[in-house]
Amino acid sequence: MTKKNLIGGEWRGSDDVMEARFPYDGSLVDAVSMANANDMNDAMAAATDGFEITRALPSHRRSEILTNMVGLLRERFDEVVEAMILEGGKNRKTAIGETTRALETLKVSAEEARRIGGEVFSLDWTAAGANRQGFTRRQPVGTVLGITPFNYPVNLACHKIGPAIAAGNPIIIKPAEKTPLSTVILAEIVLEAGFPPQAFSMLNAWGPDSEMMAADPRVKMISFTGSGAVGWMLKSKAGQKKVTLELGGNAGVIVHNDADLADAAGQAAAGAFANAGQNCISVQRLLIQRDVFEDFTDLFVDEVRALKVGDPRDPAVDIGPMISLRDAERAEAWVHEAQKAGASVLVGGAREGAMFPPTVMTETAPDMRVNCEEVFAPVITVSPYESWDDAVAMINDSPYGLQAGVFTNDVKRIMDAWERVEVGGLHINNVSTFRVDHMPYGGVKASGYGREGIKYAIEDMTELRLMTLNLR
């Protein structure tokens, strides 16, 4: 049966239907109705009405709704895992890991719903403030439009739904066209958990069609995770509304000569090729101090060769297909382009359909697309550097600045990296792929602005309101 859209508590179909196919073999999985302009208008109208309900919900009730969602998601855990495997080709290990993380994201959201408070402070720092007190509280901002990508469709949806509910906001969630099915399950969970139905909509829609919501004044805040081109375009249409953008990167990791090379190699292999490299914080550029370059590269290649590629339904498989044949062809073209310009491939590089094996490249130049753009595929470059200053310059030689990793045991270098590496998150003796869902997560430069991580997302989804009291 064709999946429908949820619009203010009403499940609604349409004549425009999109097929969802298994990226591994192209087989038909399901079909979904695609929302039209009338559906979007109705969703925004319902959310506007729903805001009068959600803004009045006490914190204990918001927390209870989110706790209910945790229980319901746990009950449907296996169903969500299977949906992600089939809609996006995510390997079983990663799908299980993502669903586990989504549970934690909702748990933390339930806890943070009870912690939204304010401050009381004296204003008598100057004579004008004598005998006056100041108070602040956080107010929900209004309708949130959450737009999610294909690579982590469940946890990243929870990173928008959870904080929005915790803050007392209505939310309209628009999943990526390529992974529509798992979010339908989440929508069912939100309703069953007791969130006011007017205040929640889930719209499968073509990207260009949904731009109207970004420009509509009834939407008060946009939380977008996806490509830079789309993110910056939406920001240009957003007008006065609040916007947070998580737009990916081409993360670098430095391995200095005092590091544990075996540990760094193992982490880098996992961090570069998880989810077939379709991760905005995947390790894309490995920068290795020249003294240990050969030793590290040998260890790293061994780790990569041990990864199993195949049917993502197989629990033993580490790497499944890319999201589409087109994306795999693009990755292959970038690798071949670099080879023609003088780069070498140590492992991988040969595509079979949408399957692209883990690929390790050396002798690349900074201006090759496999280095300077976001490859978003199981492709990594390994380059030597001479001095510490060279390494910092190389890692910063990027339009992006989401996350980075540094492997060293030297405290001075660690503190210097924290000062000089231009990223939103720096991980010491961890790869760039490290993320715990309650930490502040976001980037600088072309990687966007604003932060996910429930506490920090709630700050973006609320407004700080001041009241002063004259005690005379």
Protein backbone atom coordinates (compact mmCIF):
# COMPACT_ATOMS: atom_id res chain seq x y z
CA MET A 1 0.00 0.00 0.00
CA THR A 2 1.31 3.46 -0.92
CA LYS A 3 2.46 5.38 2.15
CA LYS A 4 0.64 8.65 2.81
CA ASN A 5 1.66 12.02 4.20
CA LEU A 6 0.63 13.12 7.66
CA ILE A 7 -0.88 16.61 7.68
CA GLY A 8 -2.00 17.95 11.03
CA GLY A 9 -3.07 14.51 12.21
CA GLU A 10 -4.67 13.44 8.91
CA TRP A 11 -3.12 10.80 6.64
CA ARG A 12 -3.49 12.02 3.08
CA GLY A 13 -2.53 10.49 -0.26
CA SER A 14 -1.93 12.12 -3.63
CA ASP A 15 -1.83 11.32 -7.32
CA ASP A 16 1.92 11.97 -7.41
CA VAL A 17 3.55 8.73 -6.26
CA MET A 18 7.25 7.95 -5.92
CA GLU A 19 8.72 4.45 -5.81
CA ALA A 20 11.23 3.53 -3.12
CA ARG A 21 13.78 1.00 -4.38
CA PHE A 22 16.48 -1.06 -2.67
CA PRO A 23 19.81 0.45 -3.79
CA TYR A 24 21.56 -2.92 -3.66
CA ASP A 25 19.55 -4.56 -6.45
CA GLY A 26 16.99 -1.99 -7.58
CA SER A 27 14.01 -4.03 -6.40
CA LEU A 28 10.79 -2.21 -5.48
CA VAL A 29 10.35 -1.76 -1.73
CA ASP A 30 7.29 0.48 -1.46
CA ALA A 31 5.78 3.68 -2.79
CA VAL A 32 4.99 7.01 -1.17
CA SER A 33 2.59 9.84 -1.94
CA MET A 34 4.31 13.14 -2.67
CA ALA A 35 2.84 16.24 -1.08
CA ASN A 36 1.68 19.17 -3.19
CA ALA A 37 1.35 22.90 -2.49
CA ASN A 38 -2.12 22.48 -0.95
CA ASP A 39 -0.78 19.84 1.43
CA MET A 40 2.04 22.14 2.50
CA ASN A 41 -0.31 25.06 3.05
CA ASP A 42 -2.57 22.85 5.14
CA ALA A 43 0.40 21.61 7.18
CA MET A 44 1.52 25.16 7.93
CA ALA A 45 -2.02 26.24 8.82
CA ALA A 46 -2.42 23.28 11.17
CA ALA A 47 0.94 24.01 12.79
CA THR A 48 -0.02 27.65 13.35
CA ASP A 49 -3.16 26.51 15.18
CA GLY A 50 -1.24 23.80 16.98
CA PHE A 51 1.24 26.29 18.39
CA GLU A 52 -1.43 27.61 20.74
CA ILE A 53 -1.58 24.10 22.21
CA THR A 54 2.11 23.19 22.27
CA ARG A 55 3.27 26.47 23.80
CA ALA A 56 0.95 25.80 26.76
CA LEU A 57 2.11 22.23 27.37
CA PRO A 58 3.89 21.97 30.73
CA SER A 59 7.42 20.63 30.68
CA HIS A 60 6.44 17.39 32.41
CA ARG A 61 3.93 16.67 29.63
CA ARG A 62 6.44 17.43 26.86
CA SER A 63 8.91 15.13 28.60
CA GLU A 64 6.24 12.44 28.94
CA ILE A 65 5.44 12.57 25.21
CA LEU A 66 9.11 12.15 24.33
CA THR A 67 9.46 9.30 26.82
CA ASN A 68 6.46 7.65 25.17
CA MET A 69 8.24 7.99 21.84
CA VAL A 70 11.27 6.18 23.27
CA GLY A 71 9.10 3.24 24.28
CA LEU A 72 7.28 3.11 20.95
CA LEU A 73 10.50 3.32 18.95
CA ARG A 74 11.96 0.52 21.04
CA GLU A 75 8.91 -1.62 20.25
CA ARG A 76 9.36 -0.97 16.52
CA PHE A 77 13.15 -1.13 16.58
CA ASP A 78 13.49 -4.02 14.13
CA GLU A 79 10.93 -2.51 11.75
CA VAL A 80 12.85 0.76 11.62
CA VAL A 81 16.13 -1.08 11.02
CA GLU A 82 14.65 -3.03 8.10
CA ALA A 83 13.16 0.12 6.59
CA MET A 84 16.53 1.88 6.61
CA ILE A 85 18.30 -1.11 5.07
CA LEU A 86 15.81 -1.36 2.22
CA GLU A 87 15.22 2.33 1.47
CA GLY A 88 18.84 3.48 1.67
CA GLY A 89 21.06 0.41 1.42
CA LYS A 90 22.42 1.02 4.92
CA ASN A 91 24.23 -2.04 6.24
CA ARG A 92 22.57 -3.83 9.14
CA LYS A 93 25.24 -2.91 11.70
CA THR A 94 24.93 0.78 10.90
CA ALA A 95 21.12 0.68 10.83
CA ILE A 96 21.08 -0.92 14.28
CA GLY A 97 23.56 1.67 15.51
CA GLU A 98 21.51 4.55 14.14
CA THR A 99 18.27 3.33 15.68
CA THR A 100 20.04 2.91 19.03
CA ARG A 101 21.31 6.47 18.75
CA ALA A 102 17.81 7.72 17.90
CA LEU A 103 16.55 6.20 21.15
CA GLU A 104 19.26 8.09 23.04
CA THR A 105 18.45 11.32 21.20
CA LEU A 106 14.82 11.07 22.27
CA LYS A 107 15.79 10.13 25.85
CA VAL A 108 17.99 13.19 26.17
CA SER A 109 15.24 15.33 24.60
CA ALA A 110 12.84 14.11 27.29
CA GLU A 111 15.34 15.08 29.98
CA GLU A 112 16.13 18.47 28.46
CA ALA A 113 12.41 19.32 28.22
CA ARG A 114 12.44 19.58 32.03
CA ARG A 115 15.59 21.75 32.11
CA ILE A 116 14.47 24.71 30.01
CA GLY A 117 14.75 27.51 32.52
CA GLY A 118 16.00 31.05 32.88
CA GLU A 119 18.00 33.36 35.06
CA VAL A 120 17.40 35.83 37.85
CA PHE A 121 20.00 38.57 38.11
CA SER A 122 20.54 41.96 39.66
CA LEU A 123 20.65 45.01 37.40
CA ASP A 124 22.48 47.29 39.85
CA TRP A 125 25.84 47.02 38.10
CA THR A 126 25.21 50.66 37.24
CA ALA A 127 23.34 53.36 39.13
CA ALA A 128 20.55 53.24 36.55
CA GLY A 129 19.77 49.67 37.57
CA ALA A 130 19.54 50.24 41.31
CA ASN A 131 16.65 48.43 43.01
CA ARG A 132 15.84 46.49 39.87
CA GLN A 133 15.89 42.78 39.13
CA GLY A 134 16.16 41.04 35.77
CA PHE A 135 14.58 37.75 34.75
CA THR A 136 14.93 35.68 31.59
CA ARG A 137 13.00 32.74 30.25
CA ARG A 138 13.02 30.86 26.98
CA GLN A 139 9.92 30.98 24.78
CA PRO A 140 9.15 28.51 21.95
CA VAL A 141 9.80 30.12 18.60
CA GLY A 142 6.85 28.64 16.69
CA THR A 143 6.60 26.27 13.74
CA VAL A 144 9.87 24.49 12.96
CA LEU A 145 10.55 23.10 9.49
CA GLY A 146 12.93 20.15 9.80
CA ILE A 147 14.54 18.92 6.58
CA THR A 148 16.58 15.74 6.82
CA PRO A 149 19.07 13.95 4.53
CA PHE A 150 19.09 10.38 3.27
CA ASN A 151 22.19 9.19 5.08
CA TYR A 152 20.83 9.12 8.66
CA PRO A 153 17.08 9.48 8.17
CA VAL A 154 15.95 8.35 11.63
CA ASN A 155 18.44 9.84 14.07
CA LEU A 156 18.66 13.16 12.25
CA ALA A 157 14.87 13.39 12.17
CA CYS A 158 14.89 12.78 15.93
CA HIS A 159 17.46 15.58 16.26
CA LYS A 160 14.80 17.92 14.90
CA ILE A 161 11.62 16.38 16.29
CA GLY A 162 13.00 15.83 19.81
CA PRO A 163 14.19 19.38 20.55
CA ALA A 164 11.14 20.91 18.84
CA ILE A 165 8.75 18.96 21.07
CA ALA A 166 10.93 19.60 24.14
CA ALA A 167 10.77 23.35 23.46
CA GLY A 168 7.00 23.41 22.88
CA ASN A 169 7.05 23.98 19.12
CA PRO A 170 4.99 22.47 16.29
CA ILE A 171 7.15 20.78 13.67
CA ILE A 172 6.84 19.88 10.01
CA ILE A 173 9.37 17.22 9.02
CA LYS A 174 10.39 16.70 5.40
CA PRO A 175 12.56 13.63 4.81
CA ALA A 176 14.87 13.14 1.86
CA GLU A 177 13.14 11.82 -1.24
CA LYS A 178 15.50 8.82 -1.36
CA THR A 179 14.67 7.57 2.15
CA PRO A 180 10.98 8.23 2.84
CA LEU A 181 9.88 5.06 4.62
CA SER A 182 11.56 5.17 8.02
CA THR A 183 10.25 8.68 8.68
CA VAL A 184 6.69 7.46 8.10
CA ILE A 185 7.21 5.11 11.04
CA LEU A 186 8.50 8.01 13.14
CA ALA A 187 5.41 10.02 12.24
CA GLU A 188 3.17 7.20 13.46
CA ILE A 189 5.18 7.11 16.69
CA VAL A 190 4.82 10.87 17.27
CA LEU A 191 1.03 10.64 16.98
CA GLU A 192 0.75 7.55 19.16
CA ALA A 193 2.97 9.15 21.81
CA GLY A 194 0.36 11.86 22.40
CA PHE A 195 1.79 14.95 20.71
CA PRO A 196 -1.05 17.27 19.63
CA PRO A 197 -1.91 16.11 16.09
CA GLN A 198 -2.38 19.63 14.70
CA ALA A 199 1.20 20.40 15.66
CA PHE A 200 2.92 17.67 13.64
CA SER A 201 3.12 17.02 9.93
CA MET A 202 5.34 14.71 7.88
CA LEU A 203 5.58 15.57 4.21
CA ASN A 204 7.32 13.53 1.56
CA ALA A 205 7.87 16.12 -1.15
CA TRP A 206 10.15 16.92 -4.02
CA GLY A 207 12.86 19.35 -2.96
CA PRO A 208 11.92 22.25 -5.26
CA ASP A 209 8.25 21.92 -4.30
CA SER A 210 9.05 22.33 -0.60
CA GLU A 211 10.93 25.59 -1.06
CA MET A 212 7.64 27.45 -0.57
CA MET A 213 7.65 26.44 3.11
CA ALA A 214 11.11 27.94 3.61
CA ALA A 215 9.82 31.30 2.41
CA ASP A 216 6.45 31.22 4.18
CA PRO A 217 6.24 33.50 7.26
CA ARG A 218 4.19 30.90 9.14
CA VAL A 219 7.40 28.88 9.47
CA LYS A 220 9.49 30.52 12.18
CA MET A 221 12.60 28.38 12.12
CA ILE A 222 14.33 26.05 9.63
CA SER A 223 16.58 23.22 10.77
CA PHE A 224 18.26 21.82 7.68
CA THR A 225 20.76 19.01 7.25
CA GLY A 226 21.94 18.32 3.71
CA SER A 227 23.96 19.70 0.84
CA GLY A 228 25.51 23.13 0.83
CA ALA A 229 23.86 24.16 -2.42
CA VAL A 230 20.37 23.47 -1.06
CA GLY A 231 21.10 24.79 2.42
CA TRP A 232 22.38 28.18 1.33
CA MET A 233 19.54 28.47 -1.19
CA LEU A 234 16.97 27.86 1.56
CA LYS A 235 18.66 30.44 3.75
CA SER A 236 18.36 32.98 0.96
CA LYS A 237 14.60 32.36 0.90
CA ALA A 238 14.15 32.29 4.67
CA GLY A 239 13.80 36.02 5.21
CA GLN A 240 13.66 36.93 8.89
CA LYS A 241 13.18 33.41 10.26
CA LYS A 242 15.83 31.58 12.25
CA VAL A 243 17.93 29.05 10.32
CA THR A 244 20.41 26.37 11.34
CA LEU A 245 22.43 24.63 8.65
CA GLU A 246 24.49 21.45 8.88
CA LEU A 247 26.03 21.16 5.44
CA GLY A 248 28.77 18.59 5.52
CA GLY A 249 32.48 18.77 4.83
CA ASN A 250 35.61 17.01 3.68
CA ALA A 251 37.04 16.21 7.08
CA GLY A 252 40.74 15.93 7.70
CA VAL A 253 42.58 13.87 10.30
CA ILE A 254 46.19 14.50 11.35
CA VAL A 255 48.34 11.58 12.53
CA HIS A 256 51.58 12.84 14.11
CA ASN A 257 54.65 10.69 14.67
CA ASP A 258 54.01 10.24 18.41
CA ALA A 259 50.56 8.72 17.87
CA ASP A 260 49.46 5.12 18.33
CA LEU A 261 49.54 4.24 14.63
CA ALA A 262 47.57 1.01 14.88
CA ASP A 263 44.77 2.71 16.80
CA ALA A 264 44.70 5.62 14.36
CA ALA A 265 44.63 3.28 11.35
CA GLY A 266 41.75 1.24 12.74
CA GLN A 267 39.70 4.29 13.64
CA ALA A 268 40.40 5.92 10.27
CA ALA A 269 39.22 2.87 8.32
CA ALA A 270 35.98 2.75 10.29
CA GLY A 271 35.53 6.51 10.10
CA ALA A 272 36.16 6.81 6.38
CA PHE A 273 33.93 4.00 5.17
CA ALA A 274 31.01 3.80 7.60
CA ASN A 275 27.72 4.03 5.72
CA ALA A 276 29.67 3.68 2.45
CA GLY A 277 31.38 7.00 3.16
CA GLN A 278 28.05 8.84 2.96
CA ASN A 279 28.59 10.80 6.13
CA CYS A 280 29.21 14.51 6.42
CA ILE A 281 31.98 13.88 8.96
CA SER A 282 33.60 10.91 7.17
CA VAL A 283 37.37 10.96 7.19
CA GLN A 284 38.17 12.16 3.67
CA ARG A 285 41.73 13.47 4.06
CA LEU A 286 44.38 11.67 6.12
CA LEU A 287 47.47 13.78 6.82
CA ILE A 288 50.39 11.69 8.09
CA GLN A 289 53.74 12.95 9.42
CA ARG A 290 56.34 11.84 6.88
CA ASP A 291 58.47 9.89 9.40
CA VAL A 292 55.62 7.41 9.89
CA PHE A 293 53.86 7.74 6.53
CA GLU A 294 54.83 4.33 5.12
CA ASP A 295 54.26 2.45 8.38
CA PHE A 296 50.86 4.05 8.87
CA THR A 297 49.79 3.54 5.26
CA ASP A 298 50.61 -0.17 5.44
CA LEU A 299 48.55 -0.54 8.62
CA PHE A 300 45.69 1.47 7.17
CA VAL A 301 45.54 -0.47 3.90
CA ASP A 302 45.43 -3.74 5.88
CA GLU A 303 42.46 -2.42 7.87
CA VAL A 304 40.66 -1.36 4.70
CA ARG A 305 41.22 -4.69 2.95
CA ALA A 306 39.58 -6.44 5.92
CA LEU A 307 36.28 -4.61 5.39
CA LYS A 308 33.53 -6.74 3.86
CA VAL A 309 31.51 -5.29 0.97
CA GLY A 310 28.18 -6.77 -0.08
CA ASP A 311 24.46 -7.15 0.57
CA PRO A 312 23.59 -4.77 3.43
CA ARG A 313 21.08 -7.26 4.82
CA ASP A 314 23.99 -9.56 5.72
CA PRO A 315 24.99 -8.89 9.36
CA ALA A 316 28.66 -9.50 8.49
CA VAL A 317 28.79 -6.79 5.79
CA ASP A 318 30.58 -3.54 6.62
CA ILE A 319 29.88 -1.61 3.41
CA GLY A 320 26.76 -1.78 1.28
CA PRO A 321 25.79 0.15 -1.84
CA MET A 322 25.79 3.88 -2.27
CA ILE A 323 22.38 5.51 -2.27
CA SER A 324 22.10 5.42 -6.07
CA LEU A 325 23.86 4.39 -9.24
CA ARG A 326 24.27 8.06 -10.14
CA ASP A 327 26.13 8.78 -6.90
CA ALA A 328 28.42 5.78 -7.38
CA GLU A 329 29.16 6.88 -10.94
CA ARG A 330 30.06 10.36 -9.69
CA ALA A 331 32.48 8.94 -7.12
CA GLU A 332 34.08 6.75 -9.77
CA ALA A 333 34.45 9.75 -12.09
CA TRP A 334 36.20 11.78 -9.40
CA VAL A 335 38.64 8.93 -8.72
CA HIS A 336 39.41 8.50 -12.43
CA GLU A 337 39.84 12.26 -12.80
CA ALA A 338 42.42 12.26 -10.00
CA GLN A 339 44.21 9.26 -11.50
CA LYS A 340 44.53 11.02 -14.84
CA ALA A 341 46.11 13.95 -13.01
CA GLY A 342 48.72 11.72 -11.35
CA ALA A 343 47.09 10.22 -8.26
CA SER A 344 47.51 6.55 -7.32
CA VAL A 345 44.88 4.12 -6.04
CA LEU A 346 46.17 1.70 -3.39
CA VAL A 347 42.86 -0.10 -2.79
CA GLY A 348 39.49 -0.13 -4.55
CA GLY A 349 38.37 2.23 -7.28
CA ALA A 350 36.38 -0.29 -9.38
CA ARG A 351 32.61 0.25 -9.27
CA GLU A 352 29.99 -2.47 -9.80
CA GLY A 353 26.57 -0.89 -10.18
CA ALA A 354 25.84 1.17 -7.07
CA MET A 355 28.52 -0.76 -5.16
CA PHE A 356 31.67 1.28 -4.75
CA PRO A 357 34.44 -0.41 -2.75
CA PRO A 358 36.50 1.36 -0.08
CA THR A 359 39.09 3.31 -2.06
CA VAL A 360 42.41 4.66 -0.78
CA MET A 361 44.32 7.22 -2.84
CA THR A 362 47.80 8.73 -2.54
CA GLU A 363 49.84 11.28 -4.50
CA THR A 364 46.84 13.55 -4.76
CA ALA A 365 47.02 17.32 -5.17
CA PRO A 366 45.10 19.83 -3.01
CA ASP A 367 43.04 21.03 -5.97
CA MET A 368 41.76 17.57 -6.93
CA ARG A 369 38.06 17.16 -6.20
CA VAL A 370 38.73 14.10 -4.05
CA ASN A 371 40.54 16.54 -1.72
CA CYS A 372 38.95 19.95 -2.05
CA GLU A 373 35.26 19.02 -2.38
CA GLU A 374 32.97 16.75 -0.37
CA VAL A 375 33.26 13.33 -2.02
CA PHE A 376 30.46 11.75 0.09
CA ALA A 377 31.55 8.28 -0.96
CA PRO A 378 33.92 5.54 0.30
CA VAL A 379 37.00 7.41 -0.93
CA ILE A 380 39.91 8.70 1.16
CA THR A 381 43.21 10.38 0.35
CA VAL A 382 46.42 9.82 2.34
CA SER A 383 49.08 12.54 2.18
CA PRO A 384 52.38 13.15 4.02
CA TYR A 385 53.36 16.38 5.76
CA GLU A 386 56.72 17.63 7.01
CA SER A 387 56.09 19.93 9.98
CA TRP A 388 53.26 20.46 12.44
CA ASP A 389 52.57 23.88 10.92
CA ASP A 390 52.29 22.22 7.51
CA ALA A 391 49.68 19.82 8.89
CA VAL A 392 47.57 22.63 10.34
CA ALA A 393 47.77 24.57 7.08
CA MET A 394 46.77 21.49 5.07
CA ILE A 395 43.80 20.61 7.25
CA ASN A 396 42.56 24.21 7.05
CA ASP A 397 42.98 24.27 3.26
CA SER A 398 39.30 23.55 2.74
CA PRO A 399 36.14 25.56 2.23
CA TYR A 400 34.54 23.38 4.92
CA GLY A 401 34.91 23.29 8.69
CA LEU A 402 32.68 20.69 10.32
CA GLN A 403 34.87 18.31 12.34
CA ALA A 404 38.48 17.13 12.37
CA GLY A 405 40.66 14.65 14.24
CA VAL A 406 44.21 14.85 15.57
CA PHE A 407 46.25 11.89 16.79
CA THR A 408 49.07 13.03 19.07
CA ASN A 409 50.09 12.76 22.72
CA ASP A 410 51.75 16.17 22.89
CA VAL A 411 49.68 18.57 25.00
CA LYS A 412 51.14 21.66 23.34
CA ARG A 413 50.15 20.37 19.91
CA ILE A 414 46.70 19.46 21.20
CA MET A 415 46.09 22.97 22.52
CA ASP A 416 47.56 24.52 19.38
CA ALA A 417 45.23 22.44 17.22
CA TRP A 418 42.24 23.49 19.31
CA GLU A 419 43.25 27.11 18.74
CA ARG A 420 44.09 26.96 15.04
CA VAL A 421 42.14 24.18 13.31
CA GLU A 422 39.10 25.82 11.72
CA VAL A 423 36.26 23.45 12.58
CA GLY A 424 33.20 23.28 14.77
CA GLY A 425 34.44 20.15 16.54
CA LEU A 426 37.98 18.87 17.10
CA HIS A 427 38.58 15.31 18.35
CA ILE A 428 41.89 14.34 19.91
CA ASN A 429 42.96 10.73 19.40
CA ASN A 430 39.62 10.23 17.68
CA VAL A 431 38.66 10.57 14.05
CA SER A 432 36.39 13.28 12.69
CA THR A 433 33.50 10.81 12.57
CA PHE A 434 33.16 10.76 16.36
CA ARG A 435 29.81 12.04 17.57
CA VAL A 436 27.80 11.65 20.75
CA ASP A 437 24.30 12.99 20.27
CA HIS A 438 24.07 15.39 23.21
CA MET A 439 27.29 17.27 22.38
CA PRO A 440 27.22 20.52 20.36
CA TYR A 441 27.56 19.54 16.73
CA GLY A 442 27.91 21.87 13.78
CA GLY A 443 30.40 23.66 11.61
CA VAL A 444 31.98 26.86 10.38
CA LYS A 445 32.77 28.20 6.92
CA ALA A 446 30.82 26.35 4.20
CA SER A 447 29.74 23.68 6.71
CA GLY A 448 26.99 25.96 8.00
CA TYR A 449 26.15 27.44 11.38
CA GLY A 450 24.07 26.71 14.43
CA ARG A 451 24.41 23.57 16.51
CA GLU A 452 22.64 20.25 16.92
CA GLY A 453 22.85 18.39 20.21
CA ILE A 454 19.56 18.62 22.07
CA LYS A 455 20.40 21.36 24.58
CA TYR A 456 21.92 23.52 21.86
CA ALA A 457 19.14 22.86 19.36
CA ILE A 458 16.58 23.91 21.98
CA GLU A 459 18.40 27.23 22.31
CA ASP A 460 17.98 27.73 18.56
CA MET A 461 14.33 26.67 18.70
CA THR A 462 13.49 29.18 21.44
CA GLU A 463 13.77 32.93 21.97
CA LEU A 464 15.24 34.50 25.09
CA ARG A 465 12.72 36.86 26.69
CA LEU A 466 13.73 39.43 29.31
CA MET A 467 11.59 40.97 32.05
CA THR A 468 12.77 43.65 34.47
CA LEU A 469 11.16 44.51 37.79
CA ASN A 470 11.43 47.87 39.52
CA LEU A 471 11.40 47.14 43.27
CA ARG A 472 10.80 50.74 44.37
